Amino acid sequence: MTTPASTPPPRPRRSHRLRGSDGSTPMPSDGWKLAPLVLVLIAAGLIAWSTTQSAESAAPPPAATQLPLSRSDLTCPSVDTAKLKAERTGIGLTTPSTDTARSDAGKGTVEITPIPHGESLTPKRPPALGKWEVVTQDADAAKTVFVSTTGSLAAGASAFTATSATDEAGGGLAVGACARPGRDAWFVGAGSSVDHASTLLVSNPGDTEAIADVTLLSRDGSSNPVSGLVVKPRDVVRIGLAEVAAGAGEVAVRVAASQGQVATAVLDTWAATLQPAGTEWVPTADEPATSLTVSPLIGGAERRELIIGNPNDRTASVKLQVVGQDGTFPVAKFEDVSVEPESVKLIDVPATLDKQTVALRLDSDQPVVASVRSISPGSPTDIAYGTSVPEISGPAVVPVDLPTVDPSGLRLLVSSADPSQEAKFTVTAHGADGPSLAEKTVTAPAGSSVVWEADNQRDLGAKLANVAYLVVRPEDGSKLLASATFASGDSAWAAMPLSEAPVTVTAPGVYPLG
C-alpha cells in the first residue's frame, strides 16, 4: 500500500534502496525539501575531513635526531698494495675522549686487519679512550689495513698512515688520513706518464660486493676508462693510471660507487732523470663547487702549481685570491683563469708568493675541483698536495707521533670558513696515554689565515717529545678551514687537509604508527 503524500514516512525508513525499488512511485515533496540540507551537511563534513588531512600532510616530518656513532670503518692504504716498497711505514689511531664516547665507556672494540688475508694487527689490549696507538708494519708485507671500531671507540675514531718510500717508489715522505667509505671521491693532480705515475686503490671494507665507475679528466678532455668495477668484500683493486690512460699527463680522478660504498686512495710518484723525485698520497678533494678554498700552498718551495678540474660541459671562469696572514688579496697575473669543459688546467703560482704559506680561494661560475702541488727545494725533491678543505665545526685530530714523521716540522694553516668573520679555535696537545698536556687558544682574523707551529714553545706549551697527537676544536660557533704540513728538512714533505672526526650519525625522523 502506498503511503499518502500528506503523511511522510518516518525518516529512518527512507533510503536510496527504497527510493529506487519502484521508479513509478513519486518522492514526497518534503523529502525534496530536505535533500539540499543533507547534501550541505555531507559537503561540510567532507571539507572538514579534507582540511584535517591536508593539515596533517602539510605538517613537517619529525625532526632528525643525532645518535652516537656505534661503528667506524677506516681504510689505511699501503705503498706495497700499489706494487711499490716502503722503507718504513706505520699507522697511528685514537678515539679522543668525548661526551658521546664516555656515555658508553668500556664497551668499545678495535679490529686492525691487513687485507686481503693478513694476520691481525690489533693490540692485545684494545686502546682506551684518548689513547694513541701506533702499529708498525713489516716493510716486506705492508698491506692495506682496515681499522674497524665499535661502541665507545667508534665516536671520533681517527687513523693515519705514514710511509718513508724507497727510491724505486719515488722516495720522500707520504702521510695521509685513512679513508672512510663513501659513494663519491675526487682526486686532483694525479698523473699517467713515465715521470709522473699514479696508482688508484679502491677498497671495499663492507661485507657485500661493491661496484664503482672511474672517470678521468685530462688536459685533452674526459674519458671513462673503467665502468662497473667490481670490488669484492674486504678486498682492494689496484689500477695504474698509466695502464688505462697512458700519456694523459695531469688528471683529475673521480670514483663513484653505484652499489655499496668504497674507500679510495691515490698514490702519486715522481721521477726526474731516473732519480726519485717524491711520493705522496693525493688527498681527497671536496666535491665540485663554485666556491672553495685550497690549502696548503707551502712557503719556501722550489715550485708550486695549481691544478683545476672542470667536470662540466661549459667553460669555467675562475677568479683567484690568496688567503694569507695579511688578509685576502689578488695577485697580479694570477687573478683569473678559464678551464675548458671536461678537462684540467695547470697554472704556475707566481714567484712573488714563494716565501709565504697560504691558502687559495677560488670562485667560479661553474662547479670545479682543485688542488695545489708544492715541490720541496731539497735533493732529492719531494712533493706535497693541498686540496679543497672541508668546513670543520667539531674536533679534528692531527697526528704527531708517527713512524717516519719529524714532529718539529708540523705546521697548521687555519682560516675562517666565513671570510667576513674571525675564527677562534683551540689546539690541545695529548700524550700517548690520552691526557691533555697543554692547550692554546688561537684567533684567525676575518679574511686571514694563521700558521700554528708545533716546534714553537709559545704555540705548543708542552714538550714536543711528549706529544702524540693534537685536537683542533672550533670555539664560539666558528667554522674552520684547516690543513697540516709535515716536513723533515727540505727534502721530505707531506700535507693533508683536516677533517672533522665524526662522533654522531643522523637518524631520520619517523612518524609514529597509528
Protein backbone atom coordinates (compact mmCIF):
# COMPACT_ATOMS: atom_id res chain seq x y z
CA MET A 1 0.00 0.00 0.00
CA THR A 2 1.35 3.42 -0.98
CA THR A 3 1.84 5.94 1.74
CA PRO A 4 -0.27 9.07 1.18
CA ALA A 5 1.62 12.16 0.15
CA SER A 6 0.18 14.08 3.12
CA THR A 7 1.76 11.64 5.57
CA PRO A 8 5.54 11.43 5.22
CA PRO A 9 7.13 8.14 6.25
CA PRO A 10 9.44 8.00 9.27
CA ARG A 11 12.96 9.30 8.41
CA PRO A 12 14.81 6.13 9.40
CA ARG A 13 12.99 4.14 6.71
CA ARG A 14 13.90 6.49 3.84
CA SER A 15 16.77 5.16 1.80
CA HIS A 16 18.16 5.02 -1.70
CA ARG A 17 17.22 1.36 -1.87
CA LEU A 18 13.62 2.05 -1.03
CA ARG A 19 13.50 5.06 -3.28
CA GLY A 20 14.82 3.11 -6.21
CA SER A 21 12.65 -0.01 -5.70
CA ASP A 22 9.77 1.46 -7.60
CA GLY A 23 10.56 4.02 -10.28
CA SER A 24 6.83 4.92 -10.64
CA THR A 25 6.42 5.94 -7.00
CA PRO A 26 6.83 9.71 -6.61
CA MET A 27 9.03 11.05 -3.79
CA PRO A 28 7.24 13.04 -1.10
CA SER A 29 7.52 16.79 -1.56
CA ASP A 30 9.04 17.29 1.94
CA GLY A 31 11.84 14.81 1.04
CA TRP A 32 12.94 17.02 -1.83
CA LYS A 33 12.99 19.96 0.56
CA LEU A 34 15.30 18.13 2.98
CA ALA A 35 17.72 16.80 0.34
CA PRO A 36 19.70 20.05 -0.15
CA LEU A 37 20.23 20.35 3.61
CA VAL A 38 21.58 16.80 3.79
CA LEU A 39 23.92 17.43 0.88
CA VAL A 40 25.18 20.63 2.52
CA LEU A 41 25.89 18.75 5.74
CA ILE A 42 27.71 15.98 3.88
CA ALA A 43 29.76 18.51 1.89
CA ALA A 44 30.67 20.37 5.09
CA GLY A 45 31.83 17.12 6.64
CA LEU A 46 33.94 16.26 3.61
CA ILE A 47 35.52 19.71 3.61
CA ALA A 48 36.34 19.43 7.30
CA TRP A 49 37.86 15.97 6.80
CA SER A 50 39.83 17.17 3.78
CA THR A 51 41.13 20.18 5.70
CA THR A 52 42.22 17.96 8.58
CA GLN A 53 44.02 15.58 6.22
CA SER A 54 45.73 18.46 4.40
CA ALA A 55 46.89 19.93 7.70
CA GLU A 56 48.28 16.57 8.73
CA SER A 57 50.08 16.06 5.42
CA ALA A 58 51.40 19.63 5.48
CA ALA A 59 52.84 19.16 8.95
CA PRO A 60 56.63 18.84 8.87
CA PRO A 61 58.04 15.36 9.41
CA PRO A 62 59.50 14.60 12.83
CA ALA A 63 62.93 16.15 13.26
CA ALA A 64 66.01 14.04 12.61
CA THR A 65 67.98 13.07 15.68
CA GLN A 66 71.69 12.68 16.32
CA LEU A 67 72.72 9.29 17.69
CA PRO A 68 76.16 8.29 18.96
CA LEU A 69 78.27 6.71 16.22
CA SER A 70 78.34 3.00 17.04
CA ARG A 71 80.71 1.81 14.31
CA SER A 72 83.53 3.37 12.31
CA ASP A 73 85.41 1.76 9.41
CA LEU A 74 88.64 3.28 8.14
CA THR A 75 90.93 2.09 5.35
CA CYS A 76 94.67 2.85 5.57
CA PRO A 77 96.23 2.48 2.10
CA SER A 78 99.61 0.89 1.51
CA VAL A 79 102.52 1.64 -0.80
CA ASP A 80 103.04 -2.11 -1.00
CA THR A 81 99.49 -2.63 -2.29
CA ALA A 82 100.42 -0.21 -5.10
CA LYS A 83 103.22 -2.67 -6.04
CA LEU A 84 105.92 -0.39 -4.59
CA LYS A 85 108.03 -0.66 -1.47
CA ALA A 86 108.40 1.30 1.75
CA GLU A 87 111.46 1.64 3.93
CA ARG A 88 109.28 2.31 6.97
CA THR A 89 105.53 2.50 7.42
CA GLY A 90 103.11 2.77 10.30
CA ILE A 91 99.59 3.63 11.36
CA GLY A 92 98.51 5.83 14.25
CA LEU A 93 94.98 5.81 15.67
CA THR A 94 92.97 7.23 18.54
CA THR A 95 89.48 7.93 19.80
CA PRO A 96 89.60 11.28 21.60
CA SER A 97 87.58 11.31 24.80
CA THR A 98 84.17 12.88 24.11
CA ASP A 99 80.88 13.13 25.98
CA THR A 100 79.39 10.77 23.38
CA ALA A 101 82.11 8.18 23.94
CA ARG A 102 82.07 8.45 27.73
CA SER A 103 78.37 7.61 27.79
CA ASP A 104 79.23 4.14 26.54
CA ALA A 105 82.62 3.72 28.16
CA GLY A 106 84.09 0.26 28.40
CA LYS A 107 82.06 -1.24 25.57
CA GLY A 108 84.26 -0.49 22.57
CA THR A 109 86.29 -2.82 20.35
CA VAL A 110 89.05 -2.35 17.77
CA GLU A 111 89.98 -4.58 14.84
CA ILE A 112 93.07 -3.86 12.71
CA THR A 113 93.35 -6.27 9.79
CA PRO A 114 95.61 -6.20 6.70
CA ILE A 115 93.90 -7.31 3.51
CA PRO A 116 93.32 -9.42 1.63
CA HIS A 117 94.33 -12.07 4.18
CA GLY A 118 96.90 -10.71 6.61
CA GLU A 119 97.32 -11.50 10.28
CA SER A 120 95.50 -9.26 12.73
CA LEU A 121 97.46 -6.24 13.98
CA THR A 122 95.02 -5.49 16.79
CA PRO A 123 96.87 -4.73 20.05
CA LYS A 124 96.43 -7.34 22.76
CA ARG A 125 94.95 -4.64 24.96
CA PRO A 126 92.48 -2.53 22.95
CA PRO A 127 93.24 1.19 23.14
CA ALA A 128 91.32 3.12 25.78
CA LEU A 129 89.54 6.38 25.08
CA GLY A 130 92.04 9.08 24.23
CA LYS A 131 94.98 6.70 23.96
CA TRP A 132 97.26 6.97 20.93
CA GLU A 133 98.19 3.63 19.40
CA VAL A 134 100.94 3.15 16.79
CA VAL A 135 101.04 0.00 14.67
CA THR A 136 104.17 -0.62 12.62
CA GLN A 137 104.22 -2.85 9.57
CA ASP A 138 106.88 -5.07 8.09
CA ALA A 139 108.26 -3.28 5.02
CA ASP A 140 108.03 -6.52 3.03
CA ALA A 141 104.39 -7.13 3.93
CA ALA A 142 102.85 -3.72 4.49
CA LYS A 143 99.37 -4.33 3.14
CA THR A 144 96.37 -2.04 3.10
CA VAL A 145 94.75 -2.17 6.55
CA PHE A 146 91.14 -1.97 7.69
CA VAL A 147 90.60 -0.31 11.07
CA SER A 148 87.14 -1.08 12.47
CA THR A 149 85.95 0.34 15.79
CA THR A 150 82.68 -0.18 17.65
CA GLY A 151 80.90 1.18 20.71
CA SER A 152 82.69 3.83 22.73
CA LEU A 153 85.76 3.63 20.48
CA ALA A 154 83.81 4.50 17.32
CA ALA A 155 82.78 8.09 18.05
CA GLY A 156 85.60 10.34 16.85
CA ALA A 157 87.85 7.44 15.80
CA SER A 158 90.69 8.69 13.58
CA ALA A 159 93.59 6.89 11.92
CA PHE A 160 96.53 8.00 9.81
CA THR A 161 99.22 6.32 7.72
CA ALA A 162 102.81 7.46 7.23
CA THR A 163 105.39 5.99 4.87
CA SER A 164 109.01 6.59 4.01
CA ALA A 165 109.19 5.30 0.43
CA THR A 166 112.14 3.58 -1.22
CA ASP A 167 113.89 5.29 -4.13
CA GLU A 168 112.12 2.92 -6.52
CA ALA A 169 108.82 4.14 -5.09
CA GLY A 170 109.72 7.81 -5.59
CA GLY A 171 111.39 8.41 -2.23
CA GLY A 172 110.28 11.03 0.24
CA LEU A 173 107.55 11.16 2.88
CA ALA A 174 103.90 10.23 2.39
CA VAL A 175 101.30 11.00 5.09
CA GLY A 176 97.54 10.69 4.80
CA ALA A 177 94.32 10.24 6.74
CA CYS A 178 92.84 6.76 6.49
CA ALA A 179 89.75 6.91 4.27
CA ARG A 180 86.16 6.47 5.37
CA PRO A 181 83.94 4.52 2.93
CA GLY A 182 81.64 6.59 0.73
CA ARG A 183 79.84 6.80 -2.60
CA ASP A 184 81.87 9.54 -4.34
CA ALA A 185 85.51 10.71 -4.19
CA TRP A 186 87.64 13.17 -6.21
CA PHE A 187 91.44 13.36 -6.53
CA VAL A 188 93.11 16.25 -8.37
CA GLY A 189 96.72 16.21 -9.58
CA ALA A 190 97.31 12.54 -10.35
CA GLY A 191 99.45 11.53 -13.33
CA SER A 192 99.68 8.90 -16.05
CA SER A 193 103.12 9.40 -17.59
CA VAL A 194 106.57 7.86 -17.16
CA ASP A 195 107.94 10.50 -14.79
CA HIS A 196 104.62 11.16 -13.02
CA ALA A 197 102.68 7.98 -12.33
CA SER A 198 99.74 7.42 -10.01
CA THR A 199 98.10 4.28 -8.69
CA LEU A 200 94.43 4.14 -7.75
CA LEU A 201 93.45 1.82 -4.88
CA VAL A 202 89.73 1.06 -4.49
CA SER A 203 88.92 -0.81 -1.26
CA ASN A 204 85.71 -2.40 -0.05
CA PRO A 205 85.55 -2.66 3.76
CA GLY A 206 81.98 -3.97 3.63
CA ASP A 207 80.58 -7.48 3.70
CA THR A 208 78.84 -7.28 0.30
CA GLU A 209 80.11 -6.67 -3.20
CA ALA A 210 80.64 -3.06 -4.31
CA ILE A 211 80.52 -1.65 -7.85
CA ALA A 212 82.12 1.63 -8.94
CA ASP A 213 82.89 3.71 -12.04
CA VAL A 214 86.17 5.58 -12.56
CA THR A 215 86.25 8.78 -14.63
CA LEU A 216 89.33 10.79 -15.62
CA LEU A 217 89.58 14.44 -16.63
CA SER A 218 92.77 15.33 -18.51
CA ARG A 219 94.05 18.34 -20.42
CA ASP A 220 92.56 16.86 -23.56
CA GLY A 221 89.12 16.14 -22.12
CA SER A 222 87.34 13.41 -20.19
CA SER A 223 87.37 9.66 -20.56
CA ASN A 224 85.68 6.74 -18.83
CA PRO A 225 88.39 4.12 -18.60
CA VAL A 226 86.71 1.85 -16.06
CA SER A 227 82.97 1.19 -15.78
CA GLY A 228 81.33 -1.32 -13.48
CA LEU A 229 84.47 -2.01 -11.44
CA VAL A 230 83.62 -4.90 -9.09
CA VAL A 231 85.29 -4.89 -5.67
CA LYS A 232 84.77 -7.98 -3.57
CA PRO A 233 84.11 -7.72 0.17
CA ARG A 234 87.25 -7.00 2.19
CA ASP A 235 89.37 -6.58 -0.92
CA VAL A 236 91.37 -3.94 -2.79
CA VAL A 237 91.50 -3.35 -6.55
CA ARG A 238 94.65 -1.71 -7.92
CA ILE A 239 94.59 0.38 -11.12
CA GLY A 240 97.71 2.02 -12.58
CA LEU A 241 96.51 5.16 -14.35
CA ALA A 242 99.25 4.77 -16.98
CA GLU A 243 97.66 1.44 -17.88
CA VAL A 244 94.23 2.93 -18.62
CA ALA A 245 95.10 6.49 -19.74
CA ALA A 246 98.70 6.39 -20.95
CA GLY A 247 100.12 9.79 -21.80
CA ALA A 248 97.20 11.76 -20.43
CA GLY A 249 99.55 13.67 -18.11
CA GLU A 250 97.82 15.65 -15.36
CA VAL A 251 94.44 14.17 -14.46
CA ALA A 252 91.59 14.54 -12.00
CA VAL A 253 90.07 11.23 -10.91
CA ARG A 254 86.52 10.58 -9.81
CA VAL A 255 85.40 7.28 -8.24
CA ALA A 256 81.61 6.91 -7.92
CA ALA A 257 80.06 3.81 -6.34
CA SER A 258 76.79 2.62 -7.86
CA GLN A 259 76.46 -0.24 -5.38
CA GLY A 260 77.76 -0.31 -1.83
CA GLN A 261 80.49 2.01 -0.60
CA VAL A 262 84.22 2.13 -1.29
CA ALA A 263 87.28 3.70 0.33
CA THR A 264 89.61 5.18 -2.29
CA ALA A 265 93.21 6.37 -2.31
CA VAL A 266 95.64 7.63 -4.96
CA LEU A 267 99.41 7.19 -4.59
CA ASP A 268 101.44 9.70 -6.61
CA THR A 269 105.08 9.01 -7.51
CA TRP A 270 107.60 11.19 -9.34
CA ALA A 271 110.96 10.63 -11.01
CA ALA A 272 113.45 13.08 -12.56
CA THR A 273 116.08 11.74 -14.96
CA LEU A 274 115.54 8.30 -13.45
CA GLN A 275 116.04 9.66 -9.92
CA PRO A 276 113.37 9.65 -7.17
CA ALA A 277 111.51 12.95 -7.02
CA GLY A 278 108.79 12.38 -4.46
CA THR A 279 105.88 10.27 -3.23
CA GLU A 280 102.56 11.35 -1.75
CA TRP A 281 99.01 10.22 -1.08
CA VAL A 282 96.86 12.64 -3.07
CA PRO A 283 94.25 13.85 -0.55
CA THR A 284 90.56 13.52 -1.30
CA ALA A 285 89.12 16.77 -2.63
CA ASP A 286 85.74 18.22 -1.78
CA GLU A 287 83.07 17.63 -4.43
CA PRO A 288 82.84 20.22 -7.27
CA ALA A 289 81.73 23.65 -6.04
CA THR A 290 81.57 27.24 -7.25
CA SER A 291 83.44 28.47 -4.17
CA LEU A 292 86.25 26.59 -2.47
CA THR A 293 89.46 27.10 -0.51
CA VAL A 294 92.58 25.09 -1.36
CA SER A 295 95.23 24.59 1.35
CA PRO A 296 98.17 24.49 1.99
CA LEU A 297 100.43 26.18 -0.52
CA ILE A 298 103.77 25.69 1.26
CA GLY A 299 106.26 28.53 1.52
CA GLY A 300 109.89 28.01 0.53
CA ALA A 301 109.07 25.50 -2.20
CA GLU A 302 111.14 25.14 -5.34
CA ARG A 303 107.96 25.28 -7.43
CA ARG A 304 104.23 25.40 -6.78
CA GLU A 305 101.36 24.59 -9.11
CA LEU A 306 97.58 24.98 -9.03
CA ILE A 307 95.56 22.24 -10.75
CA ILE A 308 91.88 22.90 -11.54
CA GLY A 309 89.42 20.33 -12.90
CA ASN A 310 86.21 21.31 -14.69
CA PRO A 311 83.76 18.38 -14.98
CA ASN A 312 81.06 20.49 -16.69
CA ASP A 313 80.14 20.83 -20.37
CA ARG A 314 80.75 24.61 -20.24
CA THR A 315 83.99 26.57 -19.84
CA ALA A 316 84.63 27.58 -16.22
CA SER A 317 85.76 31.13 -15.43
CA VAL A 318 87.62 31.06 -12.12
CA LYS A 319 88.71 34.04 -10.00
CA LEU A 320 91.70 33.51 -7.69
CA GLN A 321 92.64 35.17 -4.40
CA VAL A 322 95.31 34.46 -1.81
CA VAL A 323 94.28 33.94 1.84
CA GLY A 324 97.35 34.78 3.89
CA GLN A 325 98.34 36.18 7.25
CA ASP A 326 97.91 39.70 5.85
CA GLY A 327 94.37 39.10 4.57
CA THR A 328 92.72 38.07 1.31
CA PHE A 329 94.05 39.67 -1.85
CA PRO A 330 94.53 39.08 -5.59
CA VAL A 331 97.98 38.65 -7.14
CA ALA A 332 98.95 40.20 -10.46
CA LYS A 333 98.83 37.75 -13.39
CA PHE A 334 97.22 35.21 -11.04
CA GLU A 335 93.77 36.72 -10.74
CA ASP A 336 91.63 34.61 -13.05
CA VAL A 337 91.79 31.60 -15.30
CA SER A 338 89.46 29.75 -17.66
CA VAL A 339 89.25 25.97 -17.79
CA GLU A 340 87.85 24.19 -20.84
CA PRO A 341 84.88 21.82 -20.43
CA GLU A 342 85.61 18.35 -19.02
CA SER A 343 89.32 18.99 -18.61
CA VAL A 344 92.05 20.04 -16.20
CA LYS A 345 94.40 23.00 -16.31
CA LEU A 346 97.80 23.50 -14.65
CA ILE A 347 98.80 27.02 -13.52
CA ASP A 348 102.17 28.02 -12.07
CA VAL A 349 101.96 30.02 -8.84
CA PRO A 350 103.83 33.37 -9.11
CA ALA A 351 107.27 33.59 -7.51
CA THR A 352 106.12 36.62 -5.52
CA LEU A 353 104.38 34.18 -3.15
CA ASP A 354 107.34 31.80 -2.77
CA LYS A 355 108.13 32.57 0.88
CA GLN A 356 104.56 32.51 2.16
CA THR A 357 102.50 29.53 3.34
CA VAL A 358 98.99 30.47 2.25
CA ALA A 359 95.63 29.16 1.07
CA LEU A 360 93.95 29.97 -2.24
CA ARG A 361 90.29 30.95 -2.62
CA LEU A 362 88.60 30.03 -5.90
CA ASP A 363 85.26 31.47 -7.06
CA SER A 364 83.91 30.05 -10.31
CA ASP A 365 80.80 30.33 -12.46
CA GLN A 366 80.87 26.51 -12.80
CA PRO A 367 81.46 23.88 -10.09
CA VAL A 368 85.14 22.89 -10.12
CA VAL A 369 87.64 20.78 -8.17
CA ALA A 370 91.20 21.83 -7.38
CA SER A 371 94.48 21.12 -5.61
CA VAL A 372 97.92 22.69 -5.20
CA ARG A 373 101.25 20.92 -5.52
CA SER A 374 104.36 22.09 -3.67
CA ILE A 375 107.79 20.73 -4.68
CA SER A 376 110.44 20.78 -1.96
CA PRO A 377 113.79 22.50 -2.67
CA GLY A 378 115.99 19.66 -1.35
CA SER A 379 117.88 16.96 -3.19
CA PRO A 380 116.19 14.67 -3.87
CA THR A 381 112.97 16.64 -4.07
CA ASP A 382 109.63 15.62 -2.59
CA ILE A 383 106.04 16.67 -3.22
CA ALA A 384 103.10 17.68 -1.03
CA TYR A 385 99.49 18.27 -2.04
CA GLY A 386 96.95 20.69 -0.68
CA THR A 387 93.33 20.31 -1.68
CA SER A 388 89.93 21.90 -1.22
CA VAL A 389 89.44 21.70 2.54
CA PRO A 390 86.09 20.86 4.18
CA GLU A 391 84.45 23.02 6.85
CA ILE A 392 85.19 21.95 10.42
CA SER A 393 82.65 22.67 13.13
CA GLY A 394 83.76 19.90 15.52
CA PRO A 395 87.04 18.36 16.72
CA ALA A 396 89.70 17.29 14.22
CA VAL A 397 92.67 15.04 15.07
CA VAL A 398 96.22 15.79 13.85
CA PRO A 399 98.86 13.04 14.15
CA VAL A 400 102.23 13.91 15.68
CA ASP A 401 103.84 10.63 16.74
CA LEU A 402 104.08 8.57 13.54
CA PRO A 403 106.94 6.47 12.14
CA THR A 404 108.99 8.47 9.60
CA VAL A 405 107.47 11.81 10.73
CA ASP A 406 109.57 14.60 12.26
CA PRO A 407 107.13 16.32 14.68
CA SER A 408 109.18 19.53 14.70
CA GLY A 409 108.18 20.05 11.06
CA LEU A 410 104.44 20.08 11.76
CA ARG A 411 102.54 23.26 10.83
CA LEU A 412 98.82 24.05 10.79
CA LEU A 413 97.29 26.60 8.42
CA VAL A 414 93.85 27.74 9.64
CA SER A 415 91.31 30.31 8.46
CA SER A 416 87.61 31.01 8.98
CA ALA A 417 85.11 29.32 6.67
CA ASP A 418 83.27 32.67 6.66
CA PRO A 419 85.73 35.29 5.32
CA SER A 420 83.72 38.06 6.98
CA GLN A 421 84.07 36.53 10.46
CA GLU A 422 87.07 35.79 12.66
CA ALA A 423 87.57 32.19 13.74
CA LYS A 424 88.51 31.13 17.26
CA PHE A 425 89.85 27.64 17.95
CA THR A 426 91.86 25.67 20.47
CA VAL A 427 94.80 23.36 19.81
CA THR A 428 95.12 20.73 22.54
CA ALA A 429 98.24 18.56 22.78
CA HIS A 430 97.73 15.00 24.06
CA GLY A 431 100.19 12.40 25.28
CA ALA A 432 100.19 8.78 24.14
CA ASP A 433 98.08 7.74 27.14
CA GLY A 434 95.48 10.39 26.32
CA PRO A 435 95.92 13.17 28.89
CA SER A 436 95.89 16.79 27.83
CA LEU A 437 99.41 18.22 28.12
CA ALA A 438 98.72 21.78 27.01
CA GLU A 439 96.10 23.90 25.29
CA LYS A 440 96.36 27.05 23.24
CA THR A 441 93.51 29.28 22.04
CA VAL A 442 94.13 30.96 18.68
CA THR A 443 92.15 33.50 16.69
CA ALA A 444 92.28 33.82 12.91
CA PRO A 445 91.23 37.35 11.88
CA ALA A 446 88.41 37.73 9.37
CA GLY A 447 89.63 37.09 5.84
CA SER A 448 93.08 35.95 7.03
CA SER A 449 94.88 32.73 7.88
CA VAL A 450 97.17 31.87 10.78
CA VAL A 451 100.10 29.46 10.97
CA TRP A 452 100.44 27.33 14.11
CA GLU A 453 103.90 25.75 14.64
CA ALA A 454 104.47 22.58 16.64
CA ASP A 455 108.10 23.42 17.49
CA ASN A 456 107.19 26.86 18.80
CA GLN A 457 107.03 26.65 22.60
CA ARG A 458 104.69 29.64 22.65
CA ASP A 459 102.26 27.86 20.32
CA LEU A 460 102.52 24.37 21.81
CA GLY A 461 103.04 24.97 25.52
CA ALA A 462 104.41 21.44 26.06
CA LYS A 463 107.50 19.38 25.31
CA LEU A 464 107.15 18.21 21.72
CA ALA A 465 108.73 14.82 22.52
CA ASN A 466 105.78 14.02 24.80
CA VAL A 467 103.04 14.85 22.31
CA ALA A 468 101.32 12.02 20.41
CA TYR A 469 98.51 13.92 18.69
CA LEU A 470 96.65 17.23 18.60
CA VAL A 471 92.96 18.02 18.67
CA VAL A 472 91.87 21.18 16.85
CA ARG A 473 88.47 22.35 18.07
CA PRO A 474 86.47 25.38 16.84
CA GLU A 475 85.14 27.67 19.57
CA ASP A 476 82.19 30.07 19.87
CA GLY A 477 80.38 28.62 16.86
CA SER A 478 83.32 29.16 14.50
CA LYS A 479 83.76 27.04 11.38
CA LEU A 480 87.30 26.41 10.22
CA LEU A 481 89.20 25.60 7.03
CA ALA A 482 92.47 23.92 8.00
CA SER A 483 95.37 21.82 6.76
CA ALA A 484 98.53 20.26 8.19
CA THR A 485 102.03 20.24 6.73
CA PHE A 486 104.74 17.74 7.69
CA ALA A 487 108.40 18.39 6.82
CA SER A 488 111.72 16.77 7.65
CA GLY A 489 114.34 19.19 6.42
CA ASP A 490 113.94 20.45 2.86
CA SER A 491 113.54 17.12 1.05
CA ALA A 492 110.79 15.19 2.85
CA TRP A 493 107.40 16.94 2.68
CA ALA A 494 103.78 15.89 3.10
CA ALA A 495 100.44 17.62 3.70
CA MET A 496 96.81 16.78 4.31
CA PRO A 497 93.50 18.56 4.94
CA LEU A 498 91.98 18.47 8.40
CA SER A 499 88.61 16.74 8.61
CA GLU A 500 86.14 16.67 11.45
CA ALA A 501 86.16 13.42 13.41
CA PRO A 502 82.51 12.25 13.34
CA VAL A 503 81.01 11.46 16.73
CA THR A 504 77.33 11.10 15.79
CA VAL A 505 75.19 9.75 12.97
CA THR A 506 71.95 11.34 11.74
CA ALA A 507 68.80 9.24 12.22
CA PRO A 508 65.83 10.44 10.10
CA GLY A 509 62.58 11.41 11.81
CA VAL A 510 59.84 8.74 11.75
CA TYR A 511 56.07 9.21 12.07
CA PRO A 512 54.61 7.14 14.94
CA LEU A 513 52.40 4.21 13.98
CA GLY A 514 48.67 4.92 14.09
